[in-house]
Amino acid sequence: MVLTRRAAVVTALGTIPVVLLPSGQTVVLWTSLVILLCSVDAVLAASPRRVRVSRGVARAVRLSQSTVSTLVLTNLGRRRLRGLVRDAWQPSAGALQDRHAIDLPAAESARTRTVLVPTRRGDREADQVTIRTLGPFGVAGRQASITVPGTLRVLPEFASRRHLPSRLARLREMDGRAAVQVRGEGTEFDSLREYVEGDDVRSIDWRATARRNDVVVRTWRPERDRRVLVVVDTGRTSAARVGDEPRLDASIEAALLLGALASRAGDRVELLAFDRTPARRSSAPVALGCSRR
């Protein structure tokens, strides 16, 4: 049985008859009436055990972004259920307003929504769902906690994605898909052509020039289908802070940006996280960095 503020108010009102009729019997009588009222109210309250609860939550969300944990409550009892529901989470899950008032008739369902704004990356676990039902007088009720599993995976924030448009524009310039005012060279040999004024003399192929009796230069193109391996140190030194965040978070941001650019360029990207021994390896670095707490 749980008591509410109304029970305290009703008890405090007993000072009036005690002042008017000061005696031990008056105190005992008023106390008995309060206990009887609370007992009857708790008995008439709907049973919190007769509630079926299911949870719905997103599989993953990025750090600093919000998501919603939804509870579906079904009243399996015969009495109307009035009270409060608390959808408890780990503190780092950032649950905002996790207590919800409910008024649920028998054999009906209702939904509650708890907004989550995580403050740490990793797997955030849901705690128990606590249901408190109140009697018709609102002075007492019943309470029960039910285990409703739920896991929210918080991915790195990827704040460096704000640099992605400019880097992708530079990538299109290197591919020749955008007009540019500057000359650029790749690293993979493409073909030979005659020298024209303005070419870099360092690109002259002297052997081909000697064979043709004409100045010939090499042309280059950006490499494609490369294998890019991003290595992230997850050892003790990665816990040192750079500004307001650990060095590991800065490494993850850099790995995410590099992985996004390399995959857009058609390269094969892999990520290796290690300390004393390799901790994890993946071919999808954009999704990594989320499971370590």
C-alpha atoms as a PDB file:
ATOM      1  CA  MET A   1       0.000   0.000   0.000  1.00  0.00           C
ATOM      2  CA  VAL A   2       1.210   3.498  -0.836  1.00  0.00           C
ATOM      3  CA  LEU A   3      -0.028   6.767   0.659  1.00  0.00           C
ATOM      4  CA  THR A   4      -0.496  10.083  -1.100  1.00  0.00           C
ATOM      5  CA  ARG A   5      -0.406  13.687   0.067  1.00  0.00           C
ATOM      6  CA  ARG A   6      -4.120  13.528   0.645  1.00  0.00           C
ATOM      7  CA  ALA A   7      -3.523  10.982   3.396  1.00  0.00           C
ATOM      8  CA  ALA A   8      -1.185  13.447   5.100  1.00  0.00           C
ATOM      9  CA  VAL A   9      -3.775  16.222   4.730  1.00  0.00           C
ATOM     10  CA  VAL A  10      -6.532  14.032   6.192  1.00  0.00           C
ATOM     11  CA  THR A  11      -4.245  13.124   9.106  1.00  0.00           C
ATOM     12  CA  ALA A  12      -3.429  16.789   9.694  1.00  0.00           C
ATOM     13  CA  LEU A  13      -7.126  17.640   9.800  1.00  0.00           C
ATOM     14  CA  GLY A  14      -7.302  15.494  12.936  1.00  0.00           C
ATOM     15  CA  THR A  15      -5.805  18.369  14.875  1.00  0.00           C
ATOM     16  CA  ILE A  16      -9.216  20.090  14.742  1.00  0.00           C
ATOM     17  CA  PRO A  17     -11.157  17.460  16.738  1.00  0.00           C
ATOM     18  CA  VAL A  18      -8.166  16.976  19.028  1.00  0.00           C
ATOM     19  CA  VAL A  19      -8.195  20.701  19.843  1.00  0.00           C
ATOM     20  CA  LEU A  20     -11.983  20.721  20.326  1.00  0.00           C
ATOM     21  CA  LEU A  21     -12.074  17.448  22.303  1.00  0.00           C
ATOM     22  CA  PRO A  22      -8.591  17.012  23.758  1.00  0.00           C
ATOM     23  CA  SER A  23      -8.304  13.411  24.889  1.00  0.00           C
ATOM     24  CA  GLY A  24      -6.450  10.232  24.032  1.00  0.00           C
ATOM     25  CA  GLN A  25      -9.632   8.632  22.743  1.00  0.00           C
ATOM     26  CA  THR A  26     -10.044  11.403  20.155  1.00  0.00           C
ATOM     27  CA  VAL A  27      -6.524  10.767  18.845  1.00  0.00           C
ATOM     28  CA  VAL A  28      -7.073   7.015  18.693  1.00  0.00           C
ATOM     29  CA  LEU A  29     -10.462   7.403  17.013  1.00  0.00           C
ATOM     30  CA  TRP A  30      -9.183   9.793  14.332  1.00  0.00           C
ATOM     31  CA  THR A  31      -6.132   7.616  13.692  1.00  0.00           C
ATOM     32  CA  SER A  32      -8.372   4.581  13.281  1.00  0.00           C
ATOM     33  CA  LEU A  33     -10.587   6.439  10.832  1.00  0.00           C
ATOM     34  CA  VAL A  34      -7.553   7.476   8.751  1.00  0.00           C
ATOM     35  CA  ILE A  35      -6.208   3.919   8.701  1.00  0.00           C
ATOM     36  CA  LEU A  36      -9.626   2.565   7.735  1.00  0.00           C
ATOM     37  CA  LEU A  37     -10.012   5.136   4.956  1.00  0.00           C
ATOM     38  CA  CYS A  38      -6.565   4.352   3.536  1.00  0.00           C
ATOM     39  CA  SER A  39      -7.162   0.595   3.725  1.00  0.00           C
ATOM     40  CA  VAL A  40     -10.511   0.801   1.954  1.00  0.00           C
ATOM     41  CA  ASP A  41      -9.060   3.112  -0.715  1.00  0.00           C
ATOM     42  CA  ALA A  42      -6.154   0.713  -1.340  1.00  0.00           C
ATOM     43  CA  VAL A  43      -8.502  -2.270  -1.616  1.00  0.00           C
ATOM     44  CA  LEU A  44     -10.718  -0.472  -4.130  1.00  0.00           C
ATOM     45  CA  ALA A  45      -7.725   0.560  -6.273  1.00  0.00           C
ATOM     46  CA  ALA A  46      -7.086  -1.420  -9.455  1.00  0.00           C
ATOM     47  CA  SER A  47      -4.338  -4.011  -9.267  1.00  0.00           C
ATOM     48  CA  PRO A  48      -1.113  -2.863 -10.978  1.00  0.00           C
ATOM     49  CA  ARG A  49      -0.277  -6.511 -11.582  1.00  0.00           C
ATOM     50  CA  ARG A  50      -3.247  -6.775 -13.914  1.00  0.00           C
ATOM     51  CA  VAL A  51      -1.627  -4.494 -16.470  1.00  0.00           C
ATOM     52  CA  ARG A  52       0.152  -5.782 -19.560  1.00  0.00           C
ATOM     53  CA  VAL A  53       3.034  -3.538 -20.632  1.00  0.00           C
ATOM     54  CA  SER A  54       5.004  -3.592 -23.878  1.00  0.00           C
ATOM     55  CA  ARG A  55       7.764  -1.226 -24.934  1.00  0.00           C
ATOM     56  CA  GLY A  56       8.715   0.302 -28.251  1.00  0.00           C
ATOM     57  CA  VAL A  57      11.990   2.192 -28.709  1.00  0.00           C
ATOM     58  CA  ALA A  58      14.267   2.983 -31.632  1.00  0.00           C
ATOM     59  CA  ARG A  59      17.176   0.625 -32.163  1.00  0.00           C
ATOM     60  CA  ALA A  60      19.726   3.432 -32.420  1.00  0.00           C
ATOM     61  CA  VAL A  61      20.040   7.194 -32.187  1.00  0.00           C
ATOM     62  CA  ARG A  62      22.971   9.578 -32.468  1.00  0.00           C
ATOM     63  CA  LEU A  63      24.333  11.328 -29.408  1.00  0.00           C
ATOM     64  CA  SER A  64      22.581  14.649 -28.642  1.00  0.00           C
ATOM     65  CA  GLN A  65      19.582  13.670 -30.798  1.00  0.00           C
ATOM     66  CA  SER A  66      16.238  12.769 -29.261  1.00  0.00           C
ATOM     67  CA  THR A  67      14.075   9.698 -29.566  1.00  0.00           C
ATOM     68  CA  VAL A  68      10.949   8.368 -27.871  1.00  0.00           C
ATOM     69  CA  SER A  69      10.295   5.366 -25.644  1.00  0.00           C
ATOM     70  CA  THR A  70       6.671   4.275 -26.019  1.00  0.00           C
ATOM     71  CA  LEU A  71       4.830   2.112 -23.501  1.00  0.00           C
ATOM     72  CA  VAL A  72       1.568   0.379 -24.391  1.00  0.00           C
ATOM     73  CA  LEU A  73      -0.450  -0.418 -21.258  1.00  0.00           C
ATOM     74  CA  THR A  74      -3.475  -2.726 -21.359  1.00  0.00           C
ATOM     75  CA  ASN A  75      -5.790  -2.948 -18.351  1.00  0.00           C
ATOM     76  CA  LEU A  76      -6.610  -6.658 -17.897  1.00  0.00           C
ATOM     77  CA  GLY A  77      -8.611  -6.103 -14.714  1.00  0.00           C
ATOM     78  CA  ARG A  78     -12.248  -5.236 -14.157  1.00  0.00           C
ATOM     79  CA  ARG A  79     -11.699  -1.920 -12.404  1.00  0.00           C
ATOM     80  CA  ARG A  80     -10.846   1.450 -13.877  1.00  0.00           C
ATOM     81  CA  LEU A  81      -7.162   2.192 -13.420  1.00  0.00           C
ATOM     82  CA  ARG A  82      -6.203   5.679 -12.260  1.00  0.00           C
ATOM     83  CA  GLY A  83      -2.697   6.563 -11.221  1.00  0.00           C
ATOM     84  CA  LEU A  84       0.863   7.152 -12.407  1.00  0.00           C
ATOM     85  CA  VAL A  85       3.325   5.278 -14.588  1.00  0.00           C
ATOM     86  CA  ARG A  86       7.089   5.785 -14.428  1.00  0.00           C
ATOM     87  CA  ASP A  87       9.212   4.690 -17.391  1.00  0.00           C
ATOM     88  CA  ALA A  88      12.645   4.506 -15.750  1.00  0.00           C
ATOM     89  CA  TRP A  89      15.931   4.539 -17.714  1.00  0.00           C
ATOM     90  CA  GLN A  90      19.604   4.874 -16.929  1.00  0.00           C
ATOM     91  CA  PRO A  91      20.446   8.494 -16.033  1.00  0.00           C
ATOM     92  CA  SER A  92      22.671   8.827 -19.117  1.00  0.00           C
ATOM     93  CA  ALA A  93      19.691   7.947 -21.333  1.00  0.00           C
ATOM     94  CA  GLY A  94      18.401  11.453 -20.592  1.00  0.00           C
ATOM     95  CA  ALA A  95      14.754  10.610 -19.930  1.00  0.00           C
ATOM     96  CA  LEU A  96      12.655  13.772 -19.823  1.00  0.00           C
ATOM     97  CA  GLN A  97       9.387  13.682 -17.874  1.00  0.00           C
ATOM     98  CA  ASP A  98       9.344   9.931 -17.246  1.00  0.00           C
ATOM     99  CA  ARG A  99       6.202  10.051 -15.045  1.00  0.00           C
ATOM    100  CA  HIS A 100       2.805   9.958 -16.745  1.00  0.00           C
ATOM    101  CA  ALA A 101      -0.724  10.153 -15.360  1.00  0.00           C
ATOM    102  CA  ILE A 102      -3.075   7.474 -16.685  1.00  0.00           C
ATOM    103  CA  ASP A 103      -6.828   6.912 -16.579  1.00  0.00           C
ATOM    104  CA  LEU A 104      -7.496   3.536 -18.147  1.00  0.00           C
ATOM    105  CA  PRO A 105     -10.898   1.806 -18.231  1.00  0.00           C
ATOM    106  CA  ALA A 106     -11.095  -1.967 -17.993  1.00  0.00           C
ATOM    107  CA  ALA A 107     -10.061  -3.966 -21.082  1.00  0.00           C
ATOM    108  CA  GLU A 108      -8.662  -0.867 -22.825  1.00  0.00           C
ATOM    109  CA  SER A 109      -5.164   0.250 -23.786  1.00  0.00           C
ATOM    110  CA  ALA A 110      -3.248   3.521 -23.625  1.00  0.00           C
ATOM    111  CA  ARG A 111       0.157   4.800 -24.704  1.00  0.00           C
ATOM    112  CA  THR A 112       2.738   6.864 -22.866  1.00  0.00           C
ATOM    113  CA  ARG A 113       5.690   8.585 -24.544  1.00  0.00           C
ATOM    114  CA  THR A 114       8.978   9.352 -22.791  1.00  0.00           C
ATOM    115  CA  VAL A 115      11.441  11.577 -24.660  1.00  0.00           C
ATOM    116  CA  LEU A 116      15.063  10.414 -24.428  1.00  0.00           C
ATOM    117  CA  VAL A 117      18.038  12.720 -25.099  1.00  0.00           C
ATOM    118  CA  PRO A 118      21.138  10.562 -24.405  1.00  0.00           C
ATOM    119  CA  THR A 119      24.227  12.178 -22.906  1.00  0.00           C
ATOM    120  CA  ARG A 120      26.626   9.241 -23.403  1.00  0.00           C
ATOM    121  CA  ARG A 121      27.215   6.870 -26.271  1.00  0.00           C
ATOM    122  CA  GLY A 122      26.847   3.128 -25.876  1.00  0.00           C
ATOM    123  CA  ASP A 123      23.947   0.845 -24.993  1.00  0.00           C
ATOM    124  CA  ARG A 124      21.439   2.511 -22.659  1.00  0.00           C
ATOM    125  CA  GLU A 125      19.248   0.039 -20.791  1.00  0.00           C
ATOM    126  CA  ALA A 126      15.686   0.594 -19.613  1.00  0.00           C
ATOM    127  CA  ASP A 127      14.947   0.114 -15.939  1.00  0.00           C
ATOM    128  CA  GLN A 128      11.686  -1.192 -14.507  1.00  0.00           C
ATOM    129  CA  VAL A 129       8.280   0.275 -15.262  1.00  0.00           C
ATOM    130  CA  THR A 130       6.562   1.304 -12.018  1.00  0.00           C
ATOM    131  CA  ILE A 131       2.759   1.482 -11.929  1.00  0.00           C
ATOM    132  CA  ARG A 132       1.002   3.193  -9.027  1.00  0.00           C
ATOM    133  CA  THR A 133      -2.790   2.903  -8.906  1.00  0.00           C
ATOM    134  CA  LEU A 134      -4.990   5.064  -6.678  1.00  0.00           C
ATOM    135  CA  GLY A 135      -8.317   4.362  -5.040  1.00  0.00           C
ATOM    136  CA  PRO A 136     -11.477   6.449  -5.568  1.00  0.00           C
ATOM    137  CA  PHE A 137     -10.616   8.771  -2.631  1.00  0.00           C
ATOM    138  CA  GLY A 138      -7.031   9.365  -3.798  1.00  0.00           C
ATOM    139  CA  VAL A 139      -5.516   8.867  -0.342  1.00  0.00           C
ATOM    140  CA  ALA A 140      -3.925   5.448  -0.889  1.00  0.00           C
ATOM    141  CA  GLY A 141      -3.271   2.892  -3.569  1.00  0.00           C
ATOM    142  CA  ARG A 142      -1.096   0.057  -4.763  1.00  0.00           C
ATOM    143  CA  GLN A 143       2.264  -0.012  -6.505  1.00  0.00           C
ATOM    144  CA  ALA A 144       4.221  -2.583  -8.485  1.00  0.00           C
ATOM    145  CA  SER A 145       7.354  -2.564 -10.631  1.00  0.00           C
ATOM    146  CA  ILE A 146       7.433  -4.597 -13.826  1.00  0.00           C
ATOM    147  CA  THR A 147      10.519  -5.520 -15.833  1.00  0.00           C
ATOM    148  CA  VAL A 148      10.056  -4.433 -19.457  1.00  0.00           C
ATOM    149  CA  PRO A 149      13.391  -4.845 -21.286  1.00  0.00           C
ATOM    150  CA  GLY A 150      14.549  -2.164 -23.676  1.00  0.00           C
ATOM    151  CA  THR A 151      17.900  -1.177 -25.159  1.00  0.00           C
ATOM    152  CA  LEU A 152      18.763   2.031 -26.968  1.00  0.00           C
ATOM    153  CA  ARG A 153      22.075   2.095 -28.824  1.00  0.00           C
ATOM    154  CA  VAL A 154      23.554   5.590 -28.807  1.00  0.00           C
ATOM    155  CA  LEU A 155      25.855   6.167 -31.776  1.00  0.00           C
ATOM    156  CA  PRO A 156      28.616   8.791 -31.883  1.00  0.00           C
ATOM    157  CA  GLU A 157      27.383  12.282 -32.590  1.00  0.00           C
ATOM    158  CA  PHE A 158      29.293  12.622 -35.906  1.00  0.00           C
ATOM    159  CA  ALA A 159      29.493  16.392 -35.527  1.00  0.00           C
ATOM    160  CA  SER A 160      32.165  16.463 -38.241  1.00  0.00           C
ATOM    161  CA  ARG A 161      29.504  15.700 -40.848  1.00  0.00           C
ATOM    162  CA  ARG A 162      29.144  19.471 -41.223  1.00  0.00           C
ATOM    163  CA  HIS A 163      32.413  19.276 -43.190  1.00  0.00           C
ATOM    164  CA  LEU A 164      31.042  16.561 -45.459  1.00  0.00           C
ATOM    165  CA  PRO A 165      29.479  18.815 -48.166  1.00  0.00           C
ATOM    166  CA  SER A 166      32.708  20.745 -48.765  1.00  0.00           C
ATOM    167  CA  ARG A 167      34.800  17.578 -48.810  1.00  0.00           C
ATOM    168  CA  LEU A 168      32.377  15.901 -51.231  1.00  0.00           C
ATOM    169  CA  ALA A 169      32.528  18.971 -53.488  1.00  0.00           C
ATOM    170  CA  ARG A 170      36.313  18.676 -53.495  1.00  0.00           C
ATOM    171  CA  LEU A 171      35.949  14.985 -54.346  1.00  0.00           C
ATOM    172  CA  ARG A 172      33.757  15.837 -57.347  1.00  0.00           C
ATOM    173  CA  GLU A 173      36.374  18.329 -58.505  1.00  0.00           C
ATOM    174  CA  MET A 174      39.037  15.627 -58.361  1.00  0.00           C
ATOM    175  CA  ASP A 175      36.777  13.322 -60.359  1.00  0.00           C
ATOM    176  CA  GLY A 176      36.285  15.991 -63.022  1.00  0.00           C
ATOM    177  CA  ARG A 177      32.533  16.165 -62.405  1.00  0.00           C
ATOM    178  CA  ALA A 178      32.665  19.844 -61.448  1.00  0.00           C
ATOM    179  CA  ALA A 179      34.300  22.872 -63.053  1.00  0.00           C
ATOM    180  CA  VAL A 180      37.403  24.064 -61.212  1.00  0.00           C
ATOM    181  CA  GLN A 181      39.796  26.946 -61.637  1.00  0.00           C
ATOM    182  CA  VAL A 182      42.865  25.106 -60.383  1.00  0.00           C
ATOM    183  CA  ARG A 183      44.787  22.141 -61.693  1.00  0.00           C
ATOM    184  CA  GLY A 184      45.054  19.002 -59.656  1.00  0.00           C
ATOM    185  CA  GLU A 185      46.749  15.653 -60.091  1.00  0.00           C
ATOM    186  CA  GLY A 186      45.851  12.219 -58.961  1.00  0.00           C
ATOM    187  CA  THR A 187      48.272   9.490 -57.992  1.00  0.00           C
ATOM    188  CA  GLU A 188      47.460   6.814 -60.593  1.00  0.00           C
ATOM    189  CA  PHE A 189      48.974   6.936 -64.099  1.00  0.00           C
ATOM    190  CA  ASP A 190      46.401   7.503 -66.854  1.00  0.00           C
ATOM    191  CA  SER A 191      47.993   8.292 -70.235  1.00  0.00           C
ATOM    192  CA  LEU A 192      50.598  10.294 -72.193  1.00  0.00           C
ATOM    193  CA  ARG A 193      49.973  13.458 -74.170  1.00  0.00           C
ATOM    194  CA  GLU A 194      51.910  16.234 -75.813  1.00  0.00           C
ATOM    195  CA  TYR A 195      53.282  19.007 -73.652  1.00  0.00           C
ATOM    196  CA  VAL A 196      51.346  22.302 -73.696  1.00  0.00           C
ATOM    197  CA  GLU A 197      52.327  25.592 -72.178  1.00  0.00           C
ATOM    198  CA  GLY A 198      51.500  25.679 -68.495  1.00  0.00           C
ATOM    199  CA  ASP A 199      52.080  21.981 -67.785  1.00  0.00           C
ATOM    200  CA  ASP A 200      54.231  21.113 -64.797  1.00  0.00           C
ATOM    201  CA  VAL A 201      57.698  20.238 -66.050  1.00  0.00           C
ATOM    202  CA  ARG A 202      57.904  17.590 -63.353  1.00  0.00           C
ATOM    203  CA  SER A 203      55.287  15.556 -65.230  1.00  0.00           C
ATOM    204  CA  ILE A 204      57.432  15.273 -68.376  1.00  0.00           C
ATOM    205  CA  ASP A 205      58.165  11.672 -69.347  1.00  0.00           C
ATOM    206  CA  TRP A 206      61.747  11.948 -70.641  1.00  0.00           C
ATOM    207  CA  ARG A 207      61.924   8.410 -72.032  1.00  0.00           C
ATOM    208  CA  ALA A 208      58.744   8.850 -74.089  1.00  0.00           C
ATOM    209  CA  THR A 209      60.027  12.273 -75.161  1.00  0.00           C
ATOM    210  CA  ALA A 210      63.282  10.748 -76.429  1.00  0.00           C
ATOM    211  CA  ARG A 211      61.386   8.081 -78.382  1.00  0.00           C
ATOM    212  CA  ARG A 212      58.972  10.523 -80.051  1.00  0.00           C
ATOM    213  CA  ASN A 213      61.346  13.459 -80.528  1.00  0.00           C
ATOM    214  CA  ASP A 214      58.603  15.581 -78.943  1.00  0.00           C
ATOM    215  CA  VAL A 215      57.939  16.662 -75.362  1.00  0.00           C
ATOM    216  CA  VAL A 216      55.446  14.266 -73.726  1.00  0.00           C
ATOM    217  CA  VAL A 217      53.899  14.531 -70.279  1.00  0.00           C
ATOM    218  CA  ARG A 218      52.196  12.002 -68.062  1.00  0.00           C
ATOM    219  CA  THR A 219      48.553  12.485 -67.001  1.00  0.00           C
ATOM    220  CA  TRP A 220      47.193  11.160 -63.744  1.00  0.00           C
ATOM    221  CA  ARG A 221      43.840  10.257 -62.319  1.00  0.00           C
ATOM    222  CA  PRO A 222      42.627   9.737 -58.764  1.00  0.00           C
ATOM    223  CA  GLU A 223      42.963   6.203 -57.478  1.00  0.00           C
ATOM    224  CA  ARG A 224      39.805   4.120 -57.158  1.00  0.00           C
ATOM    225  CA  ASP A 225      38.809   0.895 -55.436  1.00  0.00           C
ATOM    226  CA  ARG A 226      41.472   1.351 -52.812  1.00  0.00           C
ATOM    227  CA  ARG A 227      41.483  -0.513 -49.530  1.00  0.00           C
ATOM    228  CA  VAL A 228      41.409   2.047 -46.730  1.00  0.00           C
ATOM    229  CA  LEU A 229      42.145   0.778 -43.221  1.00  0.00           C
ATOM    230  CA  VAL A 230      41.321   3.153 -40.378  1.00  0.00           C
ATOM    231  CA  VAL A 231      43.014   2.222 -37.085  1.00  0.00           C
ATOM    232  CA  VAL A 232      41.627   3.623 -33.807  1.00  0.00           C
ATOM    233  CA  ASP A 233      43.512   3.349 -30.529  1.00  0.00           C
ATOM    234  CA  THR A 234      41.102   2.434 -27.720  1.00  0.00           C
ATOM    235  CA  GLY A 235      43.762   1.982 -25.047  1.00  0.00           C
ATOM    236  CA  ARG A 236      44.180   3.895 -21.798  1.00  0.00           C
ATOM    237  CA  THR A 237      45.759   6.897 -23.492  1.00  0.00           C
ATOM    238  CA  SER A 238      42.585   7.387 -25.529  1.00  0.00           C
ATOM    239  CA  ALA A 239      40.794   8.401 -22.322  1.00  0.00           C
ATOM    240  CA  ALA A 240      42.822  11.615 -22.129  1.00  0.00           C
ATOM    241  CA  ARG A 241      40.669  14.640 -22.846  1.00  0.00           C
ATOM    242  CA  VAL A 242      41.086  16.908 -25.847  1.00  0.00           C
ATOM    243  CA  GLY A 243      39.089  20.023 -25.043  1.00  0.00           C
ATOM    244  CA  ASP A 244      35.747  18.881 -23.627  1.00  0.00           C
ATOM    245  CA  GLU A 245      35.752  15.303 -24.908  1.00  0.00           C
ATOM    246  CA  PRO A 246      37.973  12.193 -24.675  1.00  0.00           C
ATOM    247  CA  ARG A 247      40.607  11.615 -27.326  1.00  0.00           C
ATOM    248  CA  LEU A 248      38.724   8.460 -28.338  1.00  0.00           C
ATOM    249  CA  ASP A 249      35.687  10.521 -29.350  1.00  0.00           C
ATOM    250  CA  ALA A 250      37.853  12.754 -31.529  1.00  0.00           C
ATOM    251  CA  SER A 251      39.332   9.649 -33.164  1.00  0.00           C
ATOM    252  CA  ILE A 252      35.853   8.277 -33.838  1.00  0.00           C
ATOM    253  CA  GLU A 253      34.771  11.568 -35.419  1.00  0.00           C
ATOM    254  CA  ALA A 254      37.805  11.522 -37.719  1.00  0.00           C
ATOM    255  CA  ALA A 255      37.204   7.871 -38.611  1.00  0.00           C
ATOM    256  CA  LEU A 256      33.562   8.521 -39.438  1.00  0.00           C
ATOM    257  CA  LEU A 257      34.389  11.464 -41.708  1.00  0.00           C
ATOM    258  CA  LEU A 258      37.184   9.606 -43.478  1.00  0.00           C
ATOM    259  CA  GLY A 259      35.026   6.498 -43.863  1.00  0.00           C
ATOM    260  CA  ALA A 260      32.123   8.463 -45.327  1.00  0.00           C
ATOM    261  CA  LEU A 261      34.366  10.198 -47.879  1.00  0.00           C
ATOM    262  CA  ALA A 262      36.251   7.037 -48.850  1.00  0.00           C
ATOM    263  CA  SER A 263      33.075   4.985 -49.281  1.00  0.00           C
ATOM    264  CA  ARG A 264      31.541   7.751 -51.407  1.00  0.00           C
ATOM    265  CA  ALA A 265      34.679   7.662 -53.568  1.00  0.00           C
ATOM    266  CA  GLY A 266      34.190   3.938 -54.193  1.00  0.00           C
ATOM    267  CA  ASP A 267      36.919   2.681 -51.881  1.00  0.00           C
ATOM    268  CA  ARG A 268      36.738  -0.342 -49.602  1.00  0.00           C
ATOM    269  CA  VAL A 269      36.856   0.900 -46.033  1.00  0.00           C
ATOM    270  CA  GLU A 270      37.631  -1.122 -42.914  1.00  0.00           C
ATOM    271  CA  LEU A 271      38.120  -0.096 -39.304  1.00  0.00           C
ATOM    272  CA  LEU A 272      40.266  -1.723 -36.645  1.00  0.00           C
ATOM    273  CA  ALA A 273      39.852  -0.786 -32.957  1.00  0.00           C
ATOM    274  CA  PHE A 274      42.633  -2.021 -30.684  1.00  0.00           C
ATOM    275  CA  ASP A 275      44.349  -1.597 -27.326  1.00  0.00           C
ATOM    276  CA  ARG A 276      46.791  -4.332 -26.336  1.00  0.00           C
ATOM    277  CA  THR A 277      45.007  -6.682 -28.696  1.00  0.00           C
ATOM    278  CA  PRO A 278      42.553  -6.036 -31.565  1.00  0.00           C
ATOM    279  CA  ALA A 279      39.189  -5.271 -29.957  1.00  0.00           C
ATOM    280  CA  ARG A 280      36.946  -5.084 -32.998  1.00  0.00           C
ATOM    281  CA  ARG A 281      37.146  -5.060 -36.774  1.00  0.00           C
ATOM    282  CA  SER A 282      34.464  -4.039 -39.199  1.00  0.00           C
ATOM    283  CA  SER A 283      34.014  -3.174 -42.869  1.00  0.00           C
ATOM    284  CA  ALA A 284      31.443  -0.486 -41.992  1.00  0.00           C
ATOM    285  CA  PRO A 285      33.311   2.150 -39.935  1.00  0.00           C
ATOM    286  CA  VAL A 286      30.451   4.645 -40.147  1.00  0.00           C
ATOM    287  CA  ALA A 287      28.494   2.413 -37.751  1.00  0.00           C
ATOM    288  CA  LEU A 288      31.318   1.730 -35.327  1.00  0.00           C
ATOM    289  CA  GLY A 289      32.276   3.365 -32.053  1.00  0.00           C
ATOM    290  CA  CYS A 290      28.835   2.952 -30.540  1.00  0.00           C
ATOM    291  CA  SER A 291      29.182  -0.175 -28.442  1.00  0.00           C
ATOM    292  CA  ARG A 292      32.048   0.913 -26.197  1.00  0.00           C
ATOM    293  CA  ARG A 293      30.972   2.747 -23.069  1.00  0.00           C
END
